[in-house]
Amino acid sequence: MPTFAVVETGNKQFLVKQDDVILVQKPESIKDGEISLEHVLMIKSNEKASFGTPYVSGAKVLCQVLAEEERQPKTISFKYRRRKNSRRKKGHRQTLTRLKIKSIQG
């Protein structure tokens, strides 16, 4: 039974253990409230560690979707050019998904 794994989703890496809850960018393939993360970079069990080049073959992390769509607080992008009467203000809210790690296989 692996104790933890490093997974990659949404161009970010997460160190996960069983029963952890993580916030990831909204994935495309959610089936019946579950998702499988296939991009596993490393698995550490009690006796050994497996490192992928870049991914560990045959390893996956099964997750349960707790909240399908959440929004981050708004981040403001403000550009200003002095003495030119030029300014631009843009806001962005990222859509996130809350996942609970059910099991690590590999």
PDB file of N, CA and C in Angstrom:
ATOM      1  N   MET A   1       0.849  -1.188   0.000  1.00  0.00           N
ATOM      2  CA  MET A   1       0.000   0.000   0.000  1.00  0.00           C
ATOM      3  C   MET A   1       0.885   1.240   0.000  1.00  0.00           C
ATOM      4  N   PRO A   2       0.835   2.050  -1.054  1.00  0.00           N
ATOM      5  CA  PRO A   2       1.646   3.266  -1.089  1.00  0.00           C
ATOM      6  C   PRO A   2       1.236   4.251  -0.003  1.00  0.00           C
ATOM      7  N   THR A   3       2.215   4.940   0.557  1.00  0.00           N
ATOM      8  CA  THR A   3       1.917   5.902   1.601  1.00  0.00           C
ATOM      9  C   THR A   3       1.650   7.281   1.028  1.00  0.00           C
ATOM     10  N   PHE A   4       2.366   7.676  -0.036  1.00  0.00           N
ATOM     11  CA  PHE A   4       2.041   8.939  -0.689  1.00  0.00           C
ATOM     12  C   PHE A   4       2.511   8.910  -2.133  1.00  0.00           C
ATOM     13  N   ALA A   5       2.019   9.898  -2.905  1.00  0.00           N
ATOM     14  CA  ALA A   5       2.370   9.999  -4.314  1.00  0.00           C
ATOM     15  C   ALA A   5       2.452  11.469  -4.691  1.00  0.00           C
ATOM     16  N   VAL A   6       3.185  11.738  -5.764  1.00  0.00           N
ATOM     17  CA  VAL A   6       3.243  13.076  -6.346  1.00  0.00           C
ATOM     18  C   VAL A   6       2.548  12.983  -7.696  1.00  0.00           C
ATOM     19  N   VAL A   7       1.464  13.743  -7.863  1.00  0.00           N
ATOM     20  CA  VAL A   7       0.694  13.718  -9.102  1.00  0.00           C
ATOM     21  C   VAL A   7       0.757  15.084  -9.763  1.00  0.00           C
ATOM     22  N   GLU A   8       0.556  15.079 -11.077  1.00  0.00           N
ATOM     23  CA  GLU A   8       0.555  16.317 -11.845  1.00  0.00           C
ATOM     24  C   GLU A   8      -0.808  16.466 -12.508  1.00  0.00           C
ATOM     25  N   THR A   9      -1.450  17.606 -12.274  1.00  0.00           N
ATOM     26  CA  THR A   9      -2.714  17.928 -12.936  1.00  0.00           C
ATOM     27  C   THR A   9      -2.821  19.437 -13.049  1.00  0.00           C
ATOM     28  N   GLY A  10      -3.255  19.899 -14.201  1.00  0.00           N
ATOM     29  CA  GLY A  10      -3.375  21.329 -14.422  1.00  0.00           C
ATOM     30  C   GLY A  10      -2.044  22.054 -14.372  1.00  0.00           C
ATOM     31  N   ASN A  11      -0.967  21.396 -14.821  1.00  0.00           N
ATOM     32  CA  ASN A  11       0.395  21.945 -14.803  1.00  0.00           C
ATOM     33  C   ASN A  11       0.868  22.298 -13.398  1.00  0.00           C
ATOM     34  N   LYS A  12       0.342  21.625 -12.404  1.00  0.00           N
ATOM     35  CA  LYS A  12       0.788  21.791 -11.024  1.00  0.00           C
ATOM     36  C   LYS A  12       1.023  20.404 -10.439  1.00  0.00           C
ATOM     37  N   GLN A  13       1.927  20.340  -9.460  1.00  0.00           N
ATOM     38  CA  GLN A  13       2.229  19.072  -8.819  1.00  0.00           C
ATOM     39  C   GLN A  13       1.708  19.086  -7.393  1.00  0.00           C
ATOM     40  N   PHE A  14       1.137  17.955  -6.958  1.00  0.00           N
ATOM     41  CA  PHE A  14       0.562  17.829  -5.628  1.00  0.00           C
ATOM     42  C   PHE A  14       1.118  16.588  -4.945  1.00  0.00           C
ATOM     43  N   LEU A  15       1.499  16.743  -3.687  1.00  0.00           N
ATOM     44  CA  LEU A  15       1.898  15.606  -2.851  1.00  0.00           C
ATOM     45  C   LEU A  15       0.634  15.146  -2.140  1.00  0.00           C
ATOM     46  N   VAL A  16       0.183  13.914  -2.415  1.00  0.00           N
ATOM     47  CA  VAL A  16      -1.100  13.443  -1.885  1.00  0.00           C
ATOM     48  C   VAL A  16      -0.921  12.153  -1.105  1.00  0.00           C
ATOM     49  N   LYS A  17      -1.764  11.992  -0.082  1.00  0.00           N
ATOM     50  CA  LYS A  17      -1.907  10.759   0.679  1.00  0.00           C
ATOM     51  C   LYS A  17      -3.374  10.356   0.617  1.00  0.00           C
ATOM     52  N   GLN A  18      -3.679   9.169   1.060  1.00  0.00           N
ATOM     53  CA  GLN A  18      -5.072   8.734   1.082  1.00  0.00           C
ATOM     54  C   GLN A  18      -5.864   9.619   2.042  1.00  0.00           C
ATOM     55  N   ASP A  19      -7.085   9.969   1.655  1.00  0.00           N
ATOM     56  CA  ASP A  19      -8.034  10.818   2.402  1.00  0.00           C
ATOM     57  C   ASP A  19      -7.633  12.286   2.416  1.00  0.00           C
ATOM     58  N   ASP A  20      -6.661  12.706   1.611  1.00  0.00           N
ATOM     59  CA  ASP A  20      -6.352  14.132   1.474  1.00  0.00           C
ATOM     60  C   ASP A  20      -7.415  14.796   0.598  1.00  0.00           C
ATOM     61  N   VAL A  21      -7.601  16.095   0.778  1.00  0.00           N
ATOM     62  CA  VAL A  21      -8.501  16.887  -0.049  1.00  0.00           C
ATOM     63  C   VAL A  21      -7.662  17.965  -0.729  1.00  0.00           C
ATOM     64  N   ILE A  22      -7.743  18.040  -2.062  1.00  0.00           N
ATOM     65  CA  ILE A  22      -6.952  19.013  -2.819  1.00  0.00           C
ATOM     66  C   ILE A  22      -7.873  19.812  -3.744  1.00  0.00           C
ATOM     67  N   LEU A  23      -7.433  21.007  -4.095  1.00  0.00           N
ATOM     68  CA  LEU A  23      -8.121  21.856  -5.063  1.00  0.00           C
ATOM     69  C   LEU A  23      -7.295  21.880  -6.344  1.00  0.00           C
ATOM     70  N   VAL A  24      -7.897  21.459  -7.465  1.00  0.00           N
ATOM     71  CA  VAL A  24      -7.188  21.422  -8.735  1.00  0.00           C
ATOM     72  C   VAL A  24      -7.976  22.222  -9.760  1.00  0.00           C
ATOM     73  N   GLN A  25      -7.311  22.594 -10.857  1.00  0.00           N
ATOM     74  CA  GLN A  25      -8.022  23.243 -11.952  1.00  0.00           C
ATOM     75  C   GLN A  25      -9.030  22.258 -12.525  1.00  0.00           C
ATOM     76  N   LYS A  26     -10.121  22.781 -13.017  1.00  0.00           N
ATOM     77  CA  LYS A  26     -11.235  21.933 -13.447  1.00  0.00           C
ATOM     78  C   LYS A  26     -10.800  20.942 -14.530  1.00  0.00           C
ATOM     79  N   PRO A  27     -10.844  19.618 -14.237  1.00  0.00           N
ATOM     80  CA  PRO A  27     -10.465  18.611 -15.242  1.00  0.00           C
ATOM     81  C   PRO A  27     -11.610  18.354 -16.222  1.00  0.00           C
ATOM     82  N   GLU A  28     -11.285  17.752 -17.375  1.00  0.00           N
ATOM     83  CA  GLU A  28     -12.297  17.499 -18.392  1.00  0.00           C
ATOM     84  C   GLU A  28     -13.066  16.203 -18.161  1.00  0.00           C
ATOM     85  N   SER A  29     -12.394  15.175 -17.669  1.00  0.00           N
ATOM     86  CA  SER A  29     -12.990  13.831 -17.647  1.00  0.00           C
ATOM     87  C   SER A  29     -13.445  13.430 -16.245  1.00  0.00           C
ATOM     88  N   ILE A  30     -14.656  13.859 -15.877  1.00  0.00           N
ATOM     89  CA  ILE A  30     -15.248  13.440 -14.606  1.00  0.00           C
ATOM     90  C   ILE A  30     -16.381  12.483 -14.936  1.00  0.00           C
ATOM     91  N   LYS A  31     -16.303  11.249 -14.406  1.00  0.00           N
ATOM     92  CA  LYS A  31     -17.327  10.245 -14.671  1.00  0.00           C
ATOM     93  C   LYS A  31     -17.937   9.770 -13.349  1.00  0.00           C
ATOM     94  N   ASP A  32     -19.218   9.968 -13.173  1.00  0.00           N
ATOM     95  CA  ASP A  32     -19.970   9.496 -12.004  1.00  0.00           C
ATOM     96  C   ASP A  32     -19.375   9.986 -10.692  1.00  0.00           C
ATOM     97  N   GLY A  33     -18.904  11.212 -10.676  1.00  0.00           N
ATOM     98  CA  GLY A  33     -18.370  11.782  -9.444  1.00  0.00           C
ATOM     99  C   GLY A  33     -17.003  11.260  -9.061  1.00  0.00           C
ATOM    100  N   GLU A  34     -16.320  10.596  -9.983  1.00  0.00           N
ATOM    101  CA  GLU A  34     -14.980  10.083  -9.712  1.00  0.00           C
ATOM    102  C   GLU A  34     -14.050  10.469 -10.863  1.00  0.00           C
ATOM    103  N   ILE A  35     -12.776  10.534 -10.550  1.00  0.00           N
ATOM    104  CA  ILE A  35     -11.770  10.853 -11.560  1.00  0.00           C
ATOM    105  C   ILE A  35     -10.506  10.061 -11.241  1.00  0.00           C
ATOM    106  N   SER A  36      -9.775   9.707 -12.270  1.00  0.00           N
ATOM    107  CA  SER A  36      -8.524   8.984 -12.114  1.00  0.00           C
ATOM    108  C   SER A  36      -7.393   9.871 -12.616  1.00  0.00           C
ATOM    109  N   LEU A  37      -6.421  10.147 -11.765  1.00  0.00           N
ATOM    110  CA  LEU A  37      -5.266  10.943 -12.144  1.00  0.00           C
ATOM    111  C   LEU A  37      -4.163   9.987 -12.596  1.00  0.00           C
ATOM    112  N   GLU A  38      -3.822  10.032 -13.880  1.00  0.00           N
ATOM    113  CA  GLU A  38      -2.878   9.086 -14.470  1.00  0.00           C
ATOM    114  C   GLU A  38      -1.436   9.600 -14.451  1.00  0.00           C
ATOM    115  N   HIS A  39      -1.240  10.903 -14.308  1.00  0.00           N
ATOM    116  CA  HIS A  39       0.098  11.486 -14.381  1.00  0.00           C
ATOM    117  C   HIS A  39       0.746  11.456 -12.994  1.00  0.00           C
ATOM    118  N   VAL A  40       1.269  10.297 -12.630  1.00  0.00           N
ATOM    119  CA  VAL A  40       1.912  10.099 -11.332  1.00  0.00           C
ATOM    120  C   VAL A  40       3.421  10.207 -11.538  1.00  0.00           C
ATOM    121  N   LEU A  41       4.042  11.151 -10.852  1.00  0.00           N
ATOM    122  CA  LEU A  41       5.480  11.376 -11.005  1.00  0.00           C
ATOM    123  C   LEU A  41       6.308  10.503 -10.064  1.00  0.00           C
ATOM    124  N   MET A  42       5.757  10.198  -8.883  1.00  0.00           N
ATOM    125  CA  MET A  42       6.496   9.423  -7.886  1.00  0.00           C
ATOM    126  C   MET A  42       5.514   8.726  -6.954  1.00  0.00           C
ATOM    127  N   ILE A  43       5.874   7.526  -6.528  1.00  0.00           N
ATOM    128  CA  ILE A  43       5.105   6.793  -5.505  1.00  0.00           C
ATOM    129  C   ILE A  43       6.081   6.324  -4.448  1.00  0.00           C
ATOM    130  N   LYS A  44       5.744   6.555  -3.198  1.00  0.00           N
ATOM    131  CA  LYS A  44       6.575   6.111  -2.066  1.00  0.00           C
ATOM    132  C   LYS A  44       5.733   5.197  -1.206  1.00  0.00           C
ATOM    133  N   SER A  45       6.188   3.966  -1.043  1.00  0.00           N
ATOM    134  CA  SER A  45       5.546   3.027  -0.130  1.00  0.00           C
ATOM    135  C   SER A  45       6.506   2.771   1.025  1.00  0.00           C
ATOM    136  N   ASN A  46       6.122   1.923   1.927  1.00  0.00           N
ATOM    137  CA  ASN A  46       6.944   1.669   3.107  1.00  0.00           C
ATOM    138  C   ASN A  46       8.313   1.103   2.750  1.00  0.00           C
ATOM    139  N   GLU A  47       8.378   0.276   1.715  1.00  0.00           N
ATOM    140  CA  GLU A  47       9.638  -0.389   1.420  1.00  0.00           C
ATOM    141  C   GLU A  47      10.450   0.259   0.300  1.00  0.00           C
ATOM    142  N   LYS A  48       9.809   0.964  -0.652  1.00  0.00           N
ATOM    143  CA  LYS A  48      10.587   1.519  -1.753  1.00  0.00           C
ATOM    144  C   LYS A  48       9.891   2.728  -2.357  1.00  0.00           C
ATOM    145  N   ALA A  49      10.629   3.456  -3.161  1.00  0.00           N
ATOM    146  CA  ALA A  49      10.099   4.599  -3.888  1.00  0.00           C
ATOM    147  C   ALA A  49      10.281   4.345  -5.384  1.00  0.00           C
ATOM    148  N   SER A  50       9.270   4.729  -6.169  1.00  0.00           N
ATOM    149  CA  SER A  50       9.326   4.591  -7.620  1.00  0.00           C
ATOM    150  C   SER A  50       9.251   5.975  -8.243  1.00  0.00           C
ATOM    151  N   PHE A  51      10.202   6.266  -9.103  1.00  0.00           N
ATOM    152  CA  PHE A  51      10.246   7.545  -9.796  1.00  0.00           C
ATOM    153  C   PHE A  51       9.970   7.306 -11.269  1.00  0.00           C
ATOM    154  N   GLY A  52       9.190   8.180 -11.879  1.00  0.00           N
ATOM    155  CA  GLY A  52       8.864   8.047 -13.283  1.00  0.00           C
ATOM    156  C   GLY A  52       9.783   8.862 -14.160  1.00  0.00           C
ATOM    157  N   THR A  53       9.817   8.500 -15.449  1.00  0.00           N
ATOM    158  CA  THR A  53      10.606   9.261 -16.412  1.00  0.00           C
ATOM    159  C   THR A  53       9.727   9.608 -17.602  1.00  0.00           C
ATOM    160  N   PRO A  54       8.835  10.538 -17.619  1.00  0.00           N
ATOM    161  CA  PRO A  54       8.460  11.427 -16.530  1.00  0.00           C
ATOM    162  C   PRO A  54       7.382  10.854 -15.613  1.00  0.00           C
ATOM    163  N   TYR A  55       6.629   9.819 -16.069  1.00  0.00           N
ATOM    164  CA  TYR A  55       5.535   9.288 -15.254  1.00  0.00           C
ATOM    165  C   TYR A  55       5.790   7.824 -14.907  1.00  0.00           C
ATOM    166  N   VAL A  56       5.273   7.391 -13.764  1.00  0.00           N
ATOM    167  CA  VAL A  56       5.376   5.997 -13.343  1.00  0.00           C
ATOM    168  C   VAL A  56       4.355   5.205 -14.148  1.00  0.00           C
ATOM    169  N   SER A  57       4.808   4.156 -14.837  1.00  0.00           N
ATOM    170  CA  SER A  57       3.896   3.381 -15.682  1.00  0.00           C
ATOM    171  C   SER A  57       2.992   2.506 -14.819  1.00  0.00           C
ATOM    172  N   GLY A  58       1.723   2.485 -15.169  1.00  0.00           N
ATOM    173  CA  GLY A  58       0.751   1.655 -14.470  1.00  0.00           C
ATOM    174  C   GLY A  58       0.257   2.224 -13.157  1.00  0.00           C
ATOM    175  N   ALA A  59       0.672   3.403 -12.796  1.00  0.00           N
ATOM    176  CA  ALA A  59       0.250   3.999 -11.527  1.00  0.00           C
ATOM    177  C   ALA A  59      -0.869   4.997 -11.767  1.00  0.00           C
ATOM    178  N   LYS A  60      -1.804   5.044 -10.828  1.00  0.00           N
ATOM    179  CA  LYS A  60      -2.867   6.040 -10.899  1.00  0.00           C
ATOM    180  C   LYS A  60      -3.400   6.323  -9.507  1.00  0.00           C
ATOM    181  N   VAL A  61      -4.025   7.476  -9.390  1.00  0.00           N
ATOM    182  CA  VAL A  61      -4.614   7.912  -8.129  1.00  0.00           C
ATOM    183  C   VAL A  61      -6.102   8.095  -8.373  1.00  0.00           C
ATOM    184  N   LEU A  62      -6.924   7.371  -7.612  1.00  0.00           N
ATOM    185  CA  LEU A  62      -8.373   7.464  -7.752  1.00  0.00           C
ATOM    186  C   LEU A  62      -8.905   8.508  -6.787  1.00  0.00           C
ATOM    187  N   CYS A  63      -9.754   9.420  -7.302  1.00  0.00           N
ATOM    188  CA  CYS A  63     -10.270  10.535  -6.506  1.00  0.00           C
ATOM    189  C   CYS A  63     -11.780  10.590  -6.602  1.00  0.00           C
ATOM    190  N   GLN A  64     -12.394  11.076  -5.535  1.00  0.00           N
ATOM    191  CA  GLN A  64     -13.829  11.340  -5.503  1.00  0.00           C
ATOM    192  C   GLN A  64     -14.016  12.850  -5.604  1.00  0.00           C
ATOM    193  N   VAL A  65     -14.961  13.277  -6.433  1.00  0.00           N
ATOM    194  CA  VAL A  65     -15.215  14.706  -6.620  1.00  0.00           C
ATOM    195  C   VAL A  65     -16.155  15.177  -5.521  1.00  0.00           C
ATOM    196  N   LEU A  66     -15.678  16.101  -4.685  1.00  0.00           N
ATOM    197  CA  LEU A  66     -16.505  16.640  -3.604  1.00  0.00           C
ATOM    198  C   LEU A  66     -17.306  17.842  -4.075  1.00  0.00           C
ATOM    199  N   ALA A  67     -16.678  18.765  -4.761  1.00  0.00           N
ATOM    200  CA  ALA A  67     -17.356  19.937  -5.302  1.00  0.00           C
ATOM    201  C   ALA A  67     -16.847  20.142  -6.721  1.00  0.00           C
ATOM    202  N   GLU A  68     -17.769  20.089  -7.676  1.00  0.00           N
ATOM    203  CA  GLU A  68     -17.341  20.100  -9.071  1.00  0.00           C
ATOM    204  C   GLU A  68     -16.898  21.478  -9.541  1.00  0.00           C
ATOM    205  N   GLU A  69     -17.522  22.536  -9.036  1.00  0.00           N
ATOM    206  CA  GLU A  69     -17.154  23.854  -9.526  1.00  0.00           C
ATOM    207  C   GLU A  69     -17.104  24.850  -8.381  1.00  0.00           C
ATOM    208  N   GLU A  70     -15.915  25.301  -8.074  1.00  0.00           N
ATOM    209  CA  GLU A  70     -15.695  26.367  -7.099  1.00  0.00           C
ATOM    210  C   GLU A  70     -14.913  27.455  -7.802  1.00  0.00           C
ATOM    211  N   ARG A  71     -14.957  28.656  -7.265  1.00  0.00           N
ATOM    212  CA  ARG A  71     -14.239  29.762  -7.871  1.00  0.00           C
ATOM    213  C   ARG A  71     -13.263  30.333  -6.861  1.00  0.00           C
ATOM    214  N   GLN A  72     -12.062  30.625  -7.325  1.00  0.00           N
ATOM    215  CA  GLN A  72     -11.077  31.297  -6.494  1.00  0.00           C
ATOM    216  C   GLN A  72     -11.493  32.745  -6.294  1.00  0.00           C
ATOM    217  N   PRO A  73     -10.962  33.422  -5.274  1.00  0.00           N
ATOM    218  CA  PRO A  73     -11.187  34.863  -5.182  1.00  0.00           C
ATOM    219  C   PRO A  73     -10.611  35.570  -6.406  1.00  0.00           C
ATOM    220  N   LYS A  74     -11.192  36.691  -6.739  1.00  0.00           N
ATOM    221  CA  LYS A  74     -10.781  37.414  -7.936  1.00  0.00           C
ATOM    222  C   LYS A  74      -9.373  37.979  -7.778  1.00  0.00           C
ATOM    223  N   THR A  75      -8.558  37.783  -8.800  1.00  0.00           N
ATOM    224  CA  THR A  75      -7.239  38.410  -8.849  1.00  0.00           C
ATOM    225  C   THR A  75      -7.316  39.542  -9.876  1.00  0.00           C
ATOM    226  N   ILE A  76      -6.749  40.663  -9.529  1.00  0.00           N
ATOM    227  CA  ILE A  76      -6.798  41.851 -10.363  1.00  0.00           C
ATOM    228  C   ILE A  76      -5.463  42.012 -11.090  1.00  0.00           C
ATOM    229  N   SER A  77      -5.537  42.190 -12.398  1.00  0.00           N
ATOM    230  CA  SER A  77      -4.366  42.493 -13.213  1.00  0.00           C
ATOM    231  C   SER A  77      -4.503  43.944 -13.645  1.00  0.00           C
ATOM    232  N   PHE A  78      -3.617  44.809 -13.145  1.00  0.00           N
ATOM    233  CA  PHE A  78      -3.701  46.237 -13.428  1.00  0.00           C
ATOM    234  C   PHE A  78      -2.421  46.682 -14.106  1.00  0.00           C
ATOM    235  N   LYS A  79      -2.553  47.211 -15.323  1.00  0.00           N
ATOM    236  CA  LYS A  79      -1.407  47.726 -16.065  1.00  0.00           C
ATOM    237  C   LYS A  79      -1.549  49.242 -16.152  1.00  0.00           C
ATOM    238  N   TYR A  80      -0.446  49.935 -15.940  1.00  0.00           N
ATOM    239  CA  TYR A  80      -0.468  51.388 -15.901  1.00  0.00           C
ATOM    240  C   TYR A  80       0.796  51.919 -16.557  1.00  0.00           C
ATOM    241  N   ARG A  81       0.627  52.853 -17.449  1.00  0.00           N
ATOM    242  CA  ARG A  81       1.766  53.522 -18.064  1.00  0.00           C
ATOM    243  C   ARG A  81       1.720  54.987 -17.660  1.00  0.00           C
ATOM    244  N   ARG A  82       2.734  55.430 -16.973  1.00  0.00           N
ATOM    245  CA  ARG A  82       2.707  56.786 -16.433  1.00  0.00           C
ATOM    246  C   ARG A  82       2.772  57.827 -17.546  1.00  0.00           C
ATOM    247  N   ARG A  83       2.115  58.937 -17.308  1.00  0.00           N
ATOM    248  CA  ARG A  83       2.079  60.111 -18.184  1.00  0.00           C
ATOM    249  C   ARG A  83       1.494  59.834 -19.570  1.00  0.00           C
ATOM    250  N   LYS A  84       0.827  58.729 -19.767  1.00  0.00           N
ATOM    251  CA  LYS A  84       0.293  58.387 -21.084  1.00  0.00           C
ATOM    252  C   LYS A  84      -1.231  58.274 -21.071  1.00  0.00           C
ATOM    253  N   ASN A  85      -1.851  58.446 -19.898  1.00  0.00           N
ATOM    254  CA  ASN A  85      -3.299  58.254 -19.738  1.00  0.00           C
ATOM    255  C   ASN A  85      -3.711  56.870 -20.238  1.00  0.00           C
ATOM    256  N   SER A  86      -2.889  55.863 -19.906  1.00  0.00           N
ATOM    257  CA  SER A  86      -3.132  54.498 -20.337  1.00  0.00           C
ATOM    258  C   SER A  86      -3.158  53.600 -19.117  1.00  0.00           C
ATOM    259  N   ARG A  87      -4.284  52.975 -18.893  1.00  0.00           N
ATOM    260  CA  ARG A  87      -4.394  52.008 -17.799  1.00  0.00           C
ATOM    261  C   ARG A  87      -5.409  50.949 -18.193  1.00  0.00           C
ATOM    262  N   ARG A  88      -5.185  49.743 -17.675  1.00  0.00           N
ATOM    263  CA  ARG A  88      -6.073  48.632 -17.969  1.00  0.00           C
ATOM    264  C   ARG A  88      -6.258  47.811 -16.705  1.00  0.00           C
ATOM    265  N   LYS A  89      -7.480  47.513 -16.354  1.00  0.00           N
ATOM    266  CA  LYS A  89      -7.795  46.724 -15.169  1.00  0.00           C
ATOM    267  C   LYS A  89      -8.624  45.525 -15.614  1.00  0.00           C
ATOM    268  N   LYS A  90      -8.126  44.336 -15.272  1.00  0.00           N
ATOM    269  CA  LYS A  90      -8.809  43.102 -15.631  1.00  0.00           C
ATOM    270  C   LYS A  90      -8.915  42.226 -14.397  1.00  0.00           C
ATOM    271  N   GLY A  91     -10.017  41.531 -14.245  1.00  0.00           N
ATOM    272  CA  GLY A  91     -10.191  40.586 -13.147  1.00  0.00           C
ATOM    273  C   GLY A  91     -10.296  39.170 -13.685  1.00  0.00           C
ATOM    274  N   HIS A  92      -9.886  38.206 -12.874  1.00  0.00           N
ATOM    275  CA  HIS A  92      -9.936  36.797 -13.282  1.00  0.00           C
ATOM    276  C   HIS A  92     -10.264  35.931 -12.074  1.00  0.00           C
ATOM    277  N   ARG A  93     -11.200  35.000 -12.243  1.00  0.00           N
ATOM    278  CA  ARG A  93     -11.516  34.012 -11.215  1.00  0.00           C
ATOM    279  C   ARG A  93     -11.331  32.631 -11.819  1.00  0.00           C
ATOM    280  N   GLN A  94     -10.445  31.838 -11.226  1.00  0.00           N
ATOM    281  CA  GLN A  94     -10.150  30.502 -11.737  1.00  0.00           C
ATOM    282  C   GLN A  94     -11.197  29.514 -11.237  1.00  0.00           C
ATOM    283  N   THR A  95     -11.667  28.635 -12.118  1.00  0.00           N
ATOM    284  CA  THR A  95     -12.610  27.577 -11.747  1.00  0.00           C
ATOM    285  C   THR A  95     -11.822  26.385 -11.212  1.00  0.00           C
ATOM    286  N   LEU A  96     -12.194  25.905 -10.019  1.00  0.00           N
ATOM    287  CA  LEU A  96     -11.478  24.820  -9.351  1.00  0.00           C
ATOM    288  C   LEU A  96     -12.423  23.663  -9.052  1.00  0.00           C
ATOM    289  N   THR A  97     -11.848  22.497  -8.828  1.00  0.00           N
ATOM    290  CA  THR A  97     -12.582  21.310  -8.427  1.00  0.00           C
ATOM    291  C   THR A  97     -11.946  20.763  -7.156  1.00  0.00           C
ATOM    292  N   ARG A  98     -12.777  20.413  -6.174  1.00  0.00           N
ATOM    293  CA  ARG A  98     -12.290  19.861  -4.906  1.00  0.00           C
ATOM    294  C   ARG A  98     -12.336  18.341  -5.004  1.00  0.00           C
ATOM    295  N   LEU A  99     -11.168  17.699  -4.811  1.00  0.00           N
ATOM    296  CA  LEU A  99     -11.046  16.241  -4.917  1.00  0.00           C
ATOM    297  C   LEU A  99     -10.622  15.639  -3.595  1.00  0.00           C
ATOM    298  N   LYS A 100     -11.168  14.461  -3.285  1.00  0.00           N
ATOM    299  CA  LYS A 100     -10.731  13.681  -2.126  1.00  0.00           C
ATOM    300  C   LYS A 100     -10.046  12.419  -2.654  1.00  0.00           C
ATOM    301  N   ILE A 101      -8.830  12.152  -2.172  1.00  0.00           N
ATOM    302  CA  ILE A 101      -8.042  11.015  -2.634  1.00  0.00           C
ATOM    303  C   ILE A 101      -8.607   9.741  -2.001  1.00  0.00           C
ATOM    304  N   LYS A 102      -9.076   8.812  -2.847  1.00  0.00           N
ATOM    305  CA  LYS A 102      -9.617   7.553  -2.329  1.00  0.00           C
ATOM    306  C   LYS A 102      -8.535   6.488  -2.195  1.00  0.00           C
ATOM    307  N   SER A 103      -7.743   6.310  -3.244  1.00  0.00           N
ATOM    308  CA  SER A 103      -6.702   5.278  -3.182  1.00  0.00           C
ATOM    309  C   SER A 103      -5.581   5.619  -4.158  1.00  0.00           C
ATOM    310  N   ILE A 104      -4.416   5.065  -3.852  1.00  0.00           N
ATOM    311  CA  ILE A 104      -3.236   5.217  -4.707  1.00  0.00           C
ATOM    312  C   ILE A 104      -2.858   3.817  -5.182  1.00  0.00           C
ATOM    313  N   GLN A 105      -2.837   3.625  -6.492  1.00  0.00           N
ATOM    314  CA  GLN A 105      -2.521   2.307  -7.041  1.00  0.00           C
ATOM    315  C   GLN A 105      -1.223   2.380  -7.817  1.00  0.00           C
ATOM    316  N   GLY A 106      -0.374   1.424  -7.598  1.00  0.00           N
ATOM    317  CA  GLY A 106       0.883   1.414  -8.334  1.00  0.00           C
ATOM    318  C   GLY A 106       1.842   0.663  -7.564  1.00  0.00           C
TER     319      GLY A 106
END
